[in-house]
Amino acid sequence: MQRGNIYGKIPKKLSKELFNTIISGNKIKIERIVSKKHKSPKGYWYDQNENEFVMILKGNAELTFIFNKKFKKLKMRKGDYVNIPSHLKHRVDKTSKETVWLAIFYLKNKKEEKKFKV
């Protein structure tokens, strides 16, 4: 049995984002991400092999996606979530003083990904 607190053990200062794996398996990984005014490096875009479901548990963030060759901005606040299909390029433009994310990385059928809309 594994037990913890999603808000526990958050350092007061972070030079870079903090990634904590809560659980991982064959086709899934669940992690907590803590951001303190962090953002993606200039010119960097995430382009992942896995799908990513991400929810903000505390704070807020601004993301940008490249969807159909256009930039799409998304503002997120506590309680908001987004399901990002694999290989949808995205970046984090801004996070609040303390943003706590729950991220679930998973693999699924490619046909299901075509249903995604931004």
PDB file of N, CA and C in Angstrom:
ATOM      1  N   MET A   1       0.846  -1.172   0.000  1.00  0.00           N
ATOM      2  CA  MET A   1       0.000   0.000   0.000  1.00  0.00           C
ATOM      3  C   MET A   1       0.893   1.238   0.000  1.00  0.00           C
ATOM      4  N   GLN A   2       0.509   2.196  -0.815  1.00  0.00           N
ATOM      5  CA  GLN A   2       1.241   3.457  -0.906  1.00  0.00           C
ATOM      6  C   GLN A   2       0.314   4.581  -0.465  1.00  0.00           C
ATOM      7  N   ARG A   3       0.843   5.502   0.318  1.00  0.00           N
ATOM      8  CA  ARG A   3       0.023   6.574   0.856  1.00  0.00           C
ATOM      9  C   ARG A   3       0.808   7.867   0.827  1.00  0.00           C
ATOM     10  N   GLY A   4       0.123   8.998   0.641  1.00  0.00           N
ATOM     11  CA  GLY A   4       0.807  10.283   0.652  1.00  0.00           C
ATOM     12  C   GLY A   4      -0.183  11.426   0.653  1.00  0.00           C
ATOM     13  N   ASN A   5       0.353  12.641   0.533  1.00  0.00           N
ATOM     14  CA  ASN A   5      -0.467  13.845   0.455  1.00  0.00           C
ATOM     15  C   ASN A   5       0.030  14.662  -0.721  1.00  0.00           C
ATOM     16  N   ILE A   6      -0.842  14.965  -1.661  1.00  0.00           N
ATOM     17  CA  ILE A   6      -0.470  15.651  -2.894  1.00  0.00           C
ATOM     18  C   ILE A   6       0.135  17.029  -2.613  1.00  0.00           C
ATOM     19  N   TYR A   7      -0.217  17.637  -1.475  1.00  0.00           N
ATOM     20  CA  TYR A   7       0.289  18.958  -1.119  1.00  0.00           C
ATOM     21  C   TYR A   7       1.479  18.901  -0.158  1.00  0.00           C
ATOM     22  N   GLY A   8       1.891  17.698   0.206  1.00  0.00           N
ATOM     23  CA  GLY A   8       2.974  17.533   1.168  1.00  0.00           C
ATOM     24  C   GLY A   8       4.354  17.684   0.549  1.00  0.00           C
ATOM     25  N   LYS A   9       5.311  18.058   1.380  1.00  0.00           N
ATOM     26  CA  LYS A   9       6.741  18.122   1.017  1.00  0.00           C
ATOM     27  C   LYS A   9       7.002  18.999  -0.221  1.00  0.00           C
ATOM     28  N   ILE A  10       6.398  20.183  -0.242  1.00  0.00           N
ATOM     29  CA  ILE A  10       6.675  21.133  -1.317  1.00  0.00           C
ATOM     30  C   ILE A  10       7.716  22.127  -0.805  1.00  0.00           C
ATOM     31  N   PRO A  11       8.895  22.145  -1.418  1.00  0.00           N
ATOM     32  CA  PRO A  11       9.932  23.091  -0.981  1.00  0.00           C
ATOM     33  C   PRO A  11       9.476  24.542  -1.154  1.00  0.00           C
ATOM     34  N   LYS A  12       9.998  25.427  -0.298  1.00  0.00           N
ATOM     35  CA  LYS A  12       9.636  26.846  -0.390  1.00  0.00           C
ATOM     36  C   LYS A  12      10.186  27.473  -1.665  1.00  0.00           C
ATOM     37  N   LYS A  13      11.365  27.058  -2.095  1.00  0.00           N
ATOM     38  CA  LYS A  13      11.975  27.592  -3.311  1.00  0.00           C
ATOM     39  C   LYS A  13      12.336  26.439  -4.241  1.00  0.00           C
ATOM     40  N   LEU A  14      12.136  26.673  -5.535  1.00  0.00           N
ATOM     41  CA  LEU A  14      12.486  25.674  -6.551  1.00  0.00           C
ATOM     42  C   LEU A  14      13.186  26.391  -7.710  1.00  0.00           C
ATOM     43  N   SER A  15      14.350  25.922  -8.088  1.00  0.00           N
ATOM     44  CA  SER A  15      15.032  26.521  -9.241  1.00  0.00           C
ATOM     45  C   SER A  15      14.449  25.993 -10.556  1.00  0.00           C
ATOM     46  N   LYS A  16      13.849  24.797 -10.490  1.00  0.00           N
ATOM     47  CA  LYS A  16      13.165  24.224 -11.651  1.00  0.00           C
ATOM     48  C   LYS A  16      11.935  23.478 -11.152  1.00  0.00           C
ATOM     49  N   GLU A  17      11.058  23.135 -12.074  1.00  0.00           N
ATOM     50  CA  GLU A  17       9.840  22.425 -11.693  1.00  0.00           C
ATOM     51  C   GLU A  17      10.178  21.119 -10.976  1.00  0.00           C
ATOM     52  N   LEU A  18       9.295  20.742 -10.070  1.00  0.00           N
ATOM     53  CA  LEU A  18       9.456  19.507  -9.302  1.00  0.00           C
ATOM     54  C   LEU A  18       8.495  18.459  -9.845  1.00  0.00           C
ATOM     55  N   PHE A  19       9.028  17.295 -10.229  1.00  0.00           N
ATOM     56  CA  PHE A  19       8.235  16.189 -10.756  1.00  0.00           C
ATOM     57  C   PHE A  19       8.348  15.015  -9.789  1.00  0.00           C
ATOM     58  N   ASN A  20       7.222  14.562  -9.240  1.00  0.00           N
ATOM     59  CA  ASN A  20       7.189  13.404  -8.348  1.00  0.00           C
ATOM     60  C   ASN A  20       6.292  12.339  -8.935  1.00  0.00           C
ATOM     61  N   THR A  21       6.854  11.171  -9.240  1.00  0.00           N
ATOM     62  CA  THR A  21       6.046  10.055  -9.729  1.00  0.00           C
ATOM     63  C   THR A  21       5.314   9.438  -8.547  1.00  0.00           C
ATOM     64  N   ILE A  22       4.002   9.378  -8.656  1.00  0.00           N
ATOM     65  CA  ILE A  22       3.176   8.783  -7.609  1.00  0.00           C
ATOM     66  C   ILE A  22       3.034   7.291  -7.871  1.00  0.00           C
ATOM     67  N   ILE A  23       2.773   6.950  -9.125  1.00  0.00           N
ATOM     68  CA  ILE A  23       2.655   5.549  -9.520  1.00  0.00           C
ATOM     69  C   ILE A  23       2.988   5.425 -11.001  1.00  0.00           C
ATOM     70  N   SER A  24       3.572   4.309 -11.377  1.00  0.00           N
ATOM     71  CA  SER A  24       3.828   4.068 -12.799  1.00  0.00           C
ATOM     72  C   SER A  24       3.629   2.591 -13.094  1.00  0.00           C
ATOM     73  N   GLY A  25       3.196   2.348 -14.315  1.00  0.00           N
ATOM     74  CA  GLY A  25       2.945   0.981 -14.745  1.00  0.00           C
ATOM     75  C   GLY A  25       3.238   0.840 -16.213  1.00  0.00           C
ATOM     76  N   ASN A  26       2.772  -0.242 -16.785  1.00  0.00           N
ATOM     77  CA  ASN A  26       3.034  -0.566 -18.180  1.00  0.00           C
ATOM     78  C   ASN A  26       2.613   0.528 -19.155  1.00  0.00           C
ATOM     79  N   LYS A  27       1.404   1.050 -19.005  1.00  0.00           N
ATOM     80  CA  LYS A  27       0.882   2.038 -19.952  1.00  0.00           C
ATOM     81  C   LYS A  27       0.402   3.308 -19.262  1.00  0.00           C
ATOM     82  N   ILE A  28       0.864   3.537 -18.023  1.00  0.00           N
ATOM     83  CA  ILE A  28       0.381   4.699 -17.280  1.00  0.00           C
ATOM     84  C   ILE A  28       1.450   5.197 -16.306  1.00  0.00           C
ATOM     85  N   LYS A  29       1.474   6.510 -16.120  1.00  0.00           N
ATOM     86  CA  LYS A  29       2.308   7.123 -15.085  1.00  0.00           C
ATOM     87  C   LYS A  29       1.507   8.298 -14.523  1.00  0.00           C
ATOM     88  N   ILE A  30       1.425   8.360 -13.195  1.00  0.00           N
ATOM     89  CA  ILE A  30       0.738   9.458 -12.521  1.00  0.00           C
ATOM     90  C   ILE A  30       1.791  10.226 -11.732  1.00  0.00           C
ATOM     91  N   GLU A  31       1.797  11.552 -11.931  1.00  0.00           N
ATOM     92  CA  GLU A  31       2.785  12.333 -11.205  1.00  0.00           C
ATOM     93  C   GLU A  31       2.218  13.664 -10.727  1.00  0.00           C
ATOM     94  N   ARG A  32       2.859  14.161  -9.699  1.00  0.00           N
ATOM     95  CA  ARG A  32       2.585  15.507  -9.216  1.00  0.00           C
ATOM     96  C   ARG A  32       3.671  16.403  -9.789  1.00  0.00           C
ATOM     97  N   ILE A  33       3.251  17.567 -10.276  1.00  0.00           N
ATOM     98  CA  ILE A  33       4.192  18.566 -10.767  1.00  0.00           C
ATOM     99  C   ILE A  33       3.960  19.833  -9.959  1.00  0.00           C
ATOM    100  N   VAL A  34       5.040  20.419  -9.468  1.00  0.00           N
ATOM    101  CA  VAL A  34       4.958  21.682  -8.750  1.00  0.00           C
ATOM    102  C   VAL A  34       5.744  22.720  -9.532  1.00  0.00           C
ATOM    103  N   SER A  35       5.062  23.830  -9.860  1.00  0.00           N
ATOM    104  CA  SER A  35       5.676  24.937 -10.591  1.00  0.00           C
ATOM    105  C   SER A  35       5.583  26.185  -9.726  1.00  0.00           C
ATOM    106  N   LYS A  36       6.646  26.944  -9.719  1.00  0.00           N
ATOM    107  CA  LYS A  36       6.654  28.223  -8.995  1.00  0.00           C
ATOM    108  C   LYS A  36       7.136  29.296  -9.961  1.00  0.00           C
ATOM    109  N   LYS A  37       6.174  29.828 -10.708  1.00  0.00           N
ATOM    110  CA  LYS A  37       6.440  30.827 -11.753  1.00  0.00           C
ATOM    111  C   LYS A  37       7.347  30.275 -12.849  1.00  0.00           C
ATOM    112  N   HIS A  38       7.337  28.955 -13.042  1.00  0.00           N
ATOM    113  CA  HIS A  38       8.136  28.320 -14.085  1.00  0.00           C
ATOM    114  C   HIS A  38       7.393  28.353 -15.411  1.00  0.00           C
ATOM    115  N   LYS A  39       8.147  28.222 -16.477  1.00  0.00           N
ATOM    116  CA  LYS A  39       7.579  28.124 -17.820  1.00  0.00           C
ATOM    117  C   LYS A  39       8.531  27.310 -18.679  1.00  0.00           C
ATOM    118  N   SER A  40       8.043  26.873 -19.840  1.00  0.00           N
ATOM    119  CA  SER A  40       8.889  26.114 -20.773  1.00  0.00           C
ATOM    120  C   SER A  40      10.012  27.019 -21.269  1.00  0.00           C
ATOM    121  N   PRO A  41      11.188  26.442 -21.505  1.00  0.00           N
ATOM    122  CA  PRO A  41      12.280  27.247 -22.064  1.00  0.00           C
ATOM    123  C   PRO A  41      11.879  27.873 -23.404  1.00  0.00           C
ATOM    124  N   LYS A  42      12.433  29.022 -23.691  1.00  0.00           N
ATOM    125  CA  LYS A  42      12.123  29.736 -24.932  1.00  0.00           C
ATOM    126  C   LYS A  42      12.348  28.818 -26.134  1.00  0.00           C
ATOM    127  N   GLY A  43      11.331  28.727 -26.996  1.00  0.00           N
ATOM    128  CA  GLY A  43      11.428  27.914 -28.204  1.00  0.00           C
ATOM    129  C   GLY A  43      11.194  26.422 -28.007  1.00  0.00           C
ATOM    130  N   TYR A  44      10.994  25.976 -26.754  1.00  0.00           N
ATOM    131  CA  TYR A  44      10.806  24.543 -26.485  1.00  0.00           C
ATOM    132  C   TYR A  44       9.325  24.180 -26.529  1.00  0.00           C
ATOM    133  N   TRP A  45       9.020  23.072 -27.214  1.00  0.00           N
ATOM    134  CA  TRP A  45       7.665  22.533 -27.289  1.00  0.00           C
ATOM    135  C   TRP A  45       7.670  21.083 -26.837  1.00  0.00           C
ATOM    136  N   TYR A  46       6.764  20.717 -25.947  1.00  0.00           N
ATOM    137  CA  TYR A  46       6.585  19.307 -25.593  1.00  0.00           C
ATOM    138  C   TYR A  46       5.963  18.595 -26.791  1.00  0.00           C
ATOM    139  N   ASP A  47       6.484  17.416 -27.096  1.00  0.00           N
ATOM    140  CA  ASP A  47       5.977  16.578 -28.185  1.00  0.00           C
ATOM    141  C   ASP A  47       6.124  15.135 -27.710  1.00  0.00           C
ATOM    142  N   GLN A  48       5.177  14.674 -26.929  1.00  0.00           N
ATOM    143  CA  GLN A  48       5.287  13.429 -26.180  1.00  0.00           C
ATOM    144  C   GLN A  48       4.682  12.242 -26.907  1.00  0.00           C
ATOM    145  N   ASN A  49       5.231  11.072 -26.628  1.00  0.00           N
ATOM    146  CA  ASN A  49       4.689   9.824 -27.167  1.00  0.00           C
ATOM    147  C   ASN A  49       3.412   9.406 -26.435  1.00  0.00           C
ATOM    148  N   GLU A  50       3.270   9.842 -25.182  1.00  0.00           N
ATOM    149  CA  GLU A  50       2.104   9.476 -24.388  1.00  0.00           C
ATOM    150  C   GLU A  50       1.048  10.571 -24.466  1.00  0.00           C
ATOM    151  N   ASN A  51      -0.198  10.179 -24.203  1.00  0.00           N
ATOM    152  CA  ASN A  51      -1.274  11.134 -23.977  1.00  0.00           C
ATOM    153  C   ASN A  51      -1.068  11.679 -22.565  1.00  0.00           C
ATOM    154  N   GLU A  52      -1.551  12.893 -22.324  1.00  0.00           N
ATOM    155  CA  GLU A  52      -1.384  13.481 -20.997  1.00  0.00           C
ATOM    156  C   GLU A  52      -2.686  14.145 -20.554  1.00  0.00           C
ATOM    157  N   PHE A  53      -3.208  13.670 -19.445  1.00  0.00           N
ATOM    158  CA  PHE A  53      -4.325  14.322 -18.771  1.00  0.00           C
ATOM    159  C   PHE A  53      -3.703  15.144 -17.658  1.00  0.00           C
ATOM    160  N   VAL A  54      -3.977  16.443 -17.632  1.00  0.00           N
ATOM    161  CA  VAL A  54      -3.393  17.289 -16.598  1.00  0.00           C
ATOM    162  C   VAL A  54      -4.480  18.141 -15.957  1.00  0.00           C
ATOM    163  N   MET A  55      -4.424  18.239 -14.628  1.00  0.00           N
ATOM    164  CA  MET A  55      -5.398  19.024 -13.859  1.00  0.00           C
ATOM    165  C   MET A  55      -4.639  19.931 -12.902  1.00  0.00           C
ATOM    166  N   ILE A  56      -5.141  21.144 -12.747  1.00  0.00           N
ATOM    167  CA  ILE A  56      -4.541  22.058 -11.776  1.00  0.00           C
ATOM    168  C   ILE A  56      -5.276  21.909 -10.456  1.00  0.00           C
ATOM    169  N   LEU A  57      -4.512  21.550  -9.426  1.00  0.00           N
ATOM    170  CA  LEU A  57      -5.071  21.366  -8.091  1.00  0.00           C
ATOM    171  C   LEU A  57      -4.928  22.626  -7.248  1.00  0.00           C
ATOM    172  N   LYS A  58      -3.938  23.459  -7.602  1.00  0.00           N
ATOM    173  CA  LYS A  58      -3.692  24.704  -6.875  1.00  0.00           C
ATOM    174  C   LYS A  58      -3.003  25.669  -7.834  1.00  0.00           C
ATOM    175  N   GLY A  59      -3.400  26.946  -7.806  1.00  0.00           N
ATOM    176  CA  GLY A  59      -2.753  27.949  -8.636  1.00  0.00           C
ATOM    177  C   GLY A  59      -3.389  28.070 -10.009  1.00  0.00           C
ATOM    178  N   ASN A  60      -2.584  28.569 -10.958  1.00  0.00           N
ATOM    179  CA  ASN A  60      -3.066  28.710 -12.327  1.00  0.00           C
ATOM    180  C   ASN A  60      -1.901  28.649 -13.299  1.00  0.00           C
ATOM    181  N   ALA A  61      -2.237  28.537 -14.587  1.00  0.00           N
ATOM    182  CA  ALA A  61      -1.213  28.406 -15.627  1.00  0.00           C
ATOM    183  C   ALA A  61      -1.786  28.851 -16.959  1.00  0.00           C
ATOM    184  N   GLU A  62      -0.881  29.154 -17.871  1.00  0.00           N
ATOM    185  CA  GLU A  62      -1.259  29.460 -19.246  1.00  0.00           C
ATOM    186  C   GLU A  62      -0.431  28.563 -20.161  1.00  0.00           C
ATOM    187  N   LEU A  63      -1.119  27.873 -21.064  1.00  0.00           N
ATOM    188  CA  LEU A  63      -0.488  26.955 -22.004  1.00  0.00           C
ATOM    189  C   LEU A  63      -0.735  27.443 -23.425  1.00  0.00           C
ATOM    190  N   THR A  64       0.146  27.029 -24.334  1.00  0.00           N
ATOM    191  CA  THR A  64      -0.082  27.255 -25.755  1.00  0.00           C
ATOM    192  C   THR A  64       0.058  25.921 -26.463  1.00  0.00           C
ATOM    193  N   PHE A  65      -0.852  25.666 -27.400  1.00  0.00           N
ATOM    194  CA  PHE A  65      -0.842  24.454 -28.218  1.00  0.00           C
ATOM    195  C   PHE A  65      -0.655  24.852 -29.675  1.00  0.00           C
ATOM    196  N   ILE A  66      -0.059  23.965 -30.456  1.00  0.00           N
ATOM    197  CA  ILE A  66      -0.074  24.120 -31.909  1.00  0.00           C
ATOM    198  C   ILE A  66      -1.098  23.116 -32.402  1.00  0.00           C
ATOM    199  N   PHE A  67      -2.236  23.639 -32.863  1.00  0.00           N
ATOM    200  CA  PHE A  67      -3.351  22.799 -33.271  1.00  0.00           C
ATOM    201  C   PHE A  67      -3.763  23.227 -34.669  1.00  0.00           C
ATOM    202  N   ASN A  68      -3.707  22.298 -35.624  1.00  0.00           N
ATOM    203  CA  ASN A  68      -4.013  22.608 -37.033  1.00  0.00           C
ATOM    204  C   ASN A  68      -3.201  23.795 -37.545  1.00  0.00           C
ATOM    205  N   LYS A  69      -1.916  23.784 -37.214  1.00  0.00           N
ATOM    206  CA  LYS A  69      -0.951  24.810 -37.651  1.00  0.00           C
ATOM    207  C   LYS A  69      -1.257  26.202 -37.101  1.00  0.00           C
ATOM    208  N   LYS A  70      -2.068  26.277 -36.055  1.00  0.00           N
ATOM    209  CA  LYS A  70      -2.386  27.554 -35.422  1.00  0.00           C
ATOM    210  C   LYS A  70      -2.065  27.459 -33.937  1.00  0.00           C
ATOM    211  N   PHE A  71      -1.722  28.615 -33.346  1.00  0.00           N
ATOM    212  CA  PHE A  71      -1.475  28.672 -31.912  1.00  0.00           C
ATOM    213  C   PHE A  71      -2.797  28.837 -31.182  1.00  0.00           C
ATOM    214  N   LYS A  72      -2.994  28.033 -30.152  1.00  0.00           N
ATOM    215  CA  LYS A  72      -4.205  28.085 -29.343  1.00  0.00           C
ATOM    216  C   LYS A  72      -3.786  28.267 -27.885  1.00  0.00           C
ATOM    217  N   LYS A  73      -4.204  29.370 -27.268  1.00  0.00           N
ATOM    218  CA  LYS A  73      -3.890  29.667 -25.867  1.00  0.00           C
ATOM    219  C   LYS A  73      -4.958  29.067 -24.969  1.00  0.00           C
ATOM    220  N   LEU A  74      -4.522  28.610 -23.803  1.00  0.00           N
ATOM    221  CA  LEU A  74      -5.445  28.042 -22.832  1.00  0.00           C
ATOM    222  C   LEU A  74      -5.049  28.538 -21.445  1.00  0.00           C
ATOM    223  N   LYS A  75      -5.961  29.251 -20.791  1.00  0.00           N
ATOM    224  CA  LYS A  75      -5.746  29.677 -19.413  1.00  0.00           C
ATOM    225  C   LYS A  75      -6.416  28.652 -18.513  1.00  0.00           C
ATOM    226  N   MET A  76      -5.681  28.222 -17.487  1.00  0.00           N
ATOM    227  CA  MET A  76      -6.193  27.213 -16.566  1.00  0.00           C
ATOM    228  C   MET A  76      -6.107  27.739 -15.136  1.00  0.00           C
ATOM    229  N   ARG A  77      -7.101  27.332 -14.338  1.00  0.00           N
ATOM    230  CA  ARG A  77      -7.081  27.690 -12.925  1.00  0.00           C
ATOM    231  C   ARG A  77      -7.455  26.454 -12.113  1.00  0.00           C
ATOM    232  N   LYS A  78      -7.433  26.578 -10.823  1.00  0.00           N
ATOM    233  CA  LYS A  78      -7.718  25.461  -9.926  1.00  0.00           C
ATOM    234  C   LYS A  78      -8.979  24.717 -10.374  1.00  0.00           C
ATOM    235  N   GLY A  79      -8.852  23.414 -10.542  1.00  0.00           N
ATOM    236  CA  GLY A  79      -9.976  22.565 -10.937  1.00  0.00           C
ATOM    237  C   GLY A  79     -10.076  22.310 -12.428  1.00  0.00           C
ATOM    238  N   ASP A  80      -9.396  23.127 -13.234  1.00  0.00           N
ATOM    239  CA  ASP A  80      -9.431  22.931 -14.689  1.00  0.00           C
ATOM    240  C   ASP A  80      -8.544  21.764 -15.095  1.00  0.00           C
ATOM    241  N   TYR A  81      -8.954  21.075 -16.150  1.00  0.00           N
ATOM    242  CA  TYR A  81      -8.132  19.996 -16.697  1.00  0.00           C
ATOM    243  C   TYR A  81      -8.170  20.042 -18.211  1.00  0.00           C
ATOM    244  N   VAL A  82      -7.182  19.384 -18.802  1.00  0.00           N
ATOM    245  CA  VAL A  82      -7.135  19.231 -20.252  1.00  0.00           C
ATOM    246  C   VAL A  82      -6.550  17.856 -20.546  1.00  0.00           C
ATOM    247  N   ASN A  83      -7.064  17.225 -21.572  1.00  0.00           N
ATOM    248  CA  ASN A  83      -6.563  15.930 -22.023  1.00  0.00           C
ATOM    249  C   ASN A  83      -5.800  16.176 -23.324  1.00  0.00           C
ATOM    250  N   ILE A  84      -4.500  15.972 -23.296  1.00  0.00           N
ATOM    251  CA  ILE A  84      -3.629  16.309 -24.426  1.00  0.00           C
ATOM    252  C   ILE A  84      -3.212  15.026 -25.142  1.00  0.00           C
ATOM    253  N   PRO A  85      -3.615  14.843 -26.389  1.00  0.00           N
ATOM    254  CA  PRO A  85      -3.209  13.632 -27.113  1.00  0.00           C
ATOM    255  C   PRO A  85      -1.711  13.636 -27.402  1.00  0.00           C
ATOM    256  N   SER A  86      -1.183  12.457 -27.580  1.00  0.00           N
ATOM    257  CA  SER A  86       0.242  12.331 -27.905  1.00  0.00           C
ATOM    258  C   SER A  86       0.570  13.142 -29.152  1.00  0.00           C
ATOM    259  N   HIS A  87       1.742  13.713 -29.139  1.00  0.00           N
ATOM    260  CA  HIS A  87       2.305  14.490 -30.252  1.00  0.00           C
ATOM    261  C   HIS A  87       1.567  15.790 -30.568  1.00  0.00           C
ATOM    262  N   LEU A  88       0.669  16.229 -29.695  1.00  0.00           N
ATOM    263  CA  LEU A  88       0.115  17.573 -29.844  1.00  0.00           C
ATOM    264  C   LEU A  88       1.114  18.517 -29.169  1.00  0.00           C
ATOM    265  N   LYS A  89       1.788  19.327 -29.962  1.00  0.00           N
ATOM    266  CA  LYS A  89       2.833  20.194 -29.419  1.00  0.00           C
ATOM    267  C   LYS A  89       2.210  21.236 -28.501  1.00  0.00           C
ATOM    268  N   HIS A  90       2.862  21.400 -27.338  1.00  0.00           N
ATOM    269  CA  HIS A  90       2.375  22.358 -26.361  1.00  0.00           C
ATOM    270  C   HIS A  90       3.516  22.860 -25.485  1.00  0.00           C
ATOM    271  N   ARG A  91       3.258  23.967 -24.822  1.00  0.00           N
ATOM    272  CA  ARG A  91       4.247  24.536 -23.924  1.00  0.00           C
ATOM    273  C   ARG A  91       3.533  25.238 -22.773  1.00  0.00           C
ATOM    274  N   VAL A  92       4.267  25.446 -21.684  1.00  0.00           N
ATOM    275  CA  VAL A  92       3.755  26.193 -20.540  1.00  0.00           C
ATOM    276  C   VAL A  92       4.325  27.601 -20.649  1.00  0.00           C
ATOM    277  N   ASP A  93       3.438  28.592 -20.765  1.00  0.00           N
ATOM    278  CA  ASP A  93       3.864  29.988 -20.902  1.00  0.00           C
ATOM    279  C   ASP A  93       3.993  30.704 -19.565  1.00  0.00           C
ATOM    280  N   LYS A  94       3.210  30.248 -18.578  1.00  0.00           N
ATOM    281  CA  LYS A  94       3.191  30.974 -17.310  1.00  0.00           C
ATOM    282  C   LYS A  94       2.580  30.089 -16.236  1.00  0.00           C
ATOM    283  N   THR A  95       3.103  30.177 -15.019  1.00  0.00           N
ATOM    284  CA  THR A  95       2.463  29.555 -13.861  1.00  0.00           C
ATOM    285  C   THR A  95       2.464  30.563 -12.713  1.00  0.00           C
ATOM    286  N   SER A  96       1.583  30.361 -11.765  1.00  0.00           N
ATOM    287  CA  SER A  96       1.463  31.274 -10.624  1.00  0.00           C
ATOM    288  C   SER A  96       2.590  31.026  -9.618  1.00  0.00           C
ATOM    289  N   LYS A  97       2.533  31.758  -8.519  1.00  0.00           N
ATOM    290  CA  LYS A  97       3.547  31.658  -7.464  1.00  0.00           C
ATOM    291  C   LYS A  97       3.746  30.212  -7.017  1.00  0.00           C
ATOM    292  N   GLU A  98       2.643  29.474  -6.939  1.00  0.00           N
ATOM    293  CA  GLU A  98       2.727  28.034  -6.665  1.00  0.00           C
ATOM    294  C   GLU A  98       1.574  27.334  -7.380  1.00  0.00           C
ATOM    295  N   THR A  99       1.922  26.510  -8.355  1.00  0.00           N
ATOM    296  CA  THR A  99       0.939  25.730  -9.106  1.00  0.00           C
ATOM    297  C   THR A  99       1.221  24.257  -8.853  1.00  0.00           C
ATOM    298  N   VAL A 100       0.195  23.531  -8.450  1.00  0.00           N
ATOM    299  CA  VAL A 100       0.305  22.082  -8.237  1.00  0.00           C
ATOM    300  C   VAL A 100      -0.568  21.405  -9.283  1.00  0.00           C
ATOM    301  N   TRP A 101       0.053  20.537 -10.067  1.00  0.00           N
ATOM    302  CA  TRP A 101      -0.613  19.817 -11.150  1.00  0.00           C
ATOM    303  C   TRP A 101      -0.715  18.331 -10.795  1.00  0.00           C
ATOM    304  N   LEU A 102      -1.744  17.681 -11.286  1.00  0.00           N
ATOM    305  CA  LEU A 102      -1.815  16.222 -11.301  1.00  0.00           C
ATOM    306  C   LEU A 102      -1.757  15.836 -12.767  1.00  0.00           C
ATOM    307  N   ALA A 103      -0.740  15.066 -13.139  1.00  0.00           N
ATOM    308  CA  ALA A 103      -0.570  14.663 -14.538  1.00  0.00           C
ATOM    309  C   ALA A 103      -0.655  13.145 -14.639  1.00  0.00           C
ATOM    310  N   ILE A 104      -1.427  12.696 -15.623  1.00  0.00           N
ATOM    311  CA  ILE A 104      -1.553  11.262 -15.892  1.00  0.00           C
ATOM    312  C   ILE A 104      -1.129  11.039 -17.337  1.00  0.00           C
ATOM    313  N   PHE A 105      -0.043  10.313 -17.519  1.00  0.00           N
ATOM    314  CA  PHE A 105       0.465   9.979 -18.847  1.00  0.00           C
ATOM    315  C   PHE A 105       0.018   8.555 -19.161  1.00  0.00           C
ATOM    316  N   TYR A 106      -0.569   8.359 -20.349  1.00  0.00           N
ATOM    317  CA  TYR A 106      -1.111   7.036 -20.664  1.00  0.00           C
ATOM    318  C   TYR A 106      -1.088   6.804 -22.171  1.00  0.00           C
ATOM    319  N   LEU A 107      -1.187   5.553 -22.546  1.00  0.00           N
ATOM    320  CA  LEU A 107      -1.270   5.146 -23.947  1.00  0.00           C
ATOM    321  C   LEU A 107      -2.688   4.687 -24.222  1.00  0.00           C
ATOM    322  N   LYS A 108      -3.196   4.998 -25.418  1.00  0.00           N
ATOM    323  CA  LYS A 108      -4.531   4.528 -25.792  1.00  0.00           C
ATOM    324  C   LYS A 108      -4.594   4.347 -27.297  1.00  0.00           C
ATOM    325  N   ASN A 109      -5.728   3.888 -27.756  1.00  0.00           N
ATOM    326  CA  ASN A 109      -5.968   3.618 -29.164  1.00  0.00           C
ATOM    327  C   ASN A 109      -5.887   4.910 -29.985  1.00  0.00           C
ATOM    328  N   LYS A 110      -5.158   4.905 -31.085  1.00  0.00           N
ATOM    329  CA  LYS A 110      -4.989   6.081 -31.951  1.00  0.00           C
ATOM    330  C   LYS A 110      -6.313   6.614 -32.501  1.00  0.00           C
ATOM    331  N   LYS A 111      -7.286   5.731 -32.772  1.00  0.00           N
ATOM    332  CA  LYS A 111      -8.570   6.178 -33.309  1.00  0.00           C
ATOM    333  C   LYS A 111      -9.282   7.120 -32.347  1.00  0.00           C
ATOM    334  N   GLU A 112      -9.131   6.899 -31.066  1.00  0.00           N
ATOM    335  CA  GLU A 112      -9.779   7.741 -30.058  1.00  0.00           C
ATOM    336  C   GLU A 112      -9.211   9.152 -30.077  1.00  0.00           C
ATOM    337  N   GLU A 113      -7.938   9.311 -30.431  1.00  0.00           N
ATOM    338  CA  GLU A 113      -7.292  10.609 -30.414  1.00  0.00           C
ATOM    339  C   GLU A 113      -7.882  11.557 -31.456  1.00  0.00           C
ATOM    340  N   LYS A 114      -8.475  11.038 -32.502  1.00  0.00           N
ATOM    341  CA  LYS A 114      -9.056  11.885 -33.552  1.00  0.00           C
ATOM    342  C   LYS A 114     -10.269  12.650 -33.037  1.00  0.00           C
ATOM    343  N   LYS A 115     -10.825  12.248 -31.916  1.00  0.00           N
ATOM    344  CA  LYS A 115     -11.976  12.917 -31.337  1.00  0.00           C
ATOM    345  C   LYS A 115     -11.581  14.198 -30.607  1.00  0.00           C
ATOM    346  N   PHE A 116     -10.301  14.409 -30.386  1.00  0.00           N
ATOM    347  CA  PHE A 116      -9.823  15.544 -29.605  1.00  0.00           C
ATOM    348  C   PHE A 116     -10.119  16.871 -30.277  1.00  0.00           C
ATOM    349  N   LYS A 117     -10.570  17.839 -29.495  1.00  0.00           N
ATOM    350  CA  LYS A 117     -10.821  19.191 -30.006  1.00  0.00           C
ATOM    351  C   LYS A 117     -10.265  20.183 -28.999  1.00  0.00           C
ATOM    352  N   VAL A 118      -9.700  21.272 -29.475  1.00  0.00           N
ATOM    353  CA  VAL A 118      -9.199  22.347 -28.593  1.00  0.00           C
ATOM    354  C   VAL A 118     -10.173  23.494 -28.673  1.00  0.00           C
TER     355      VAL A 118
END
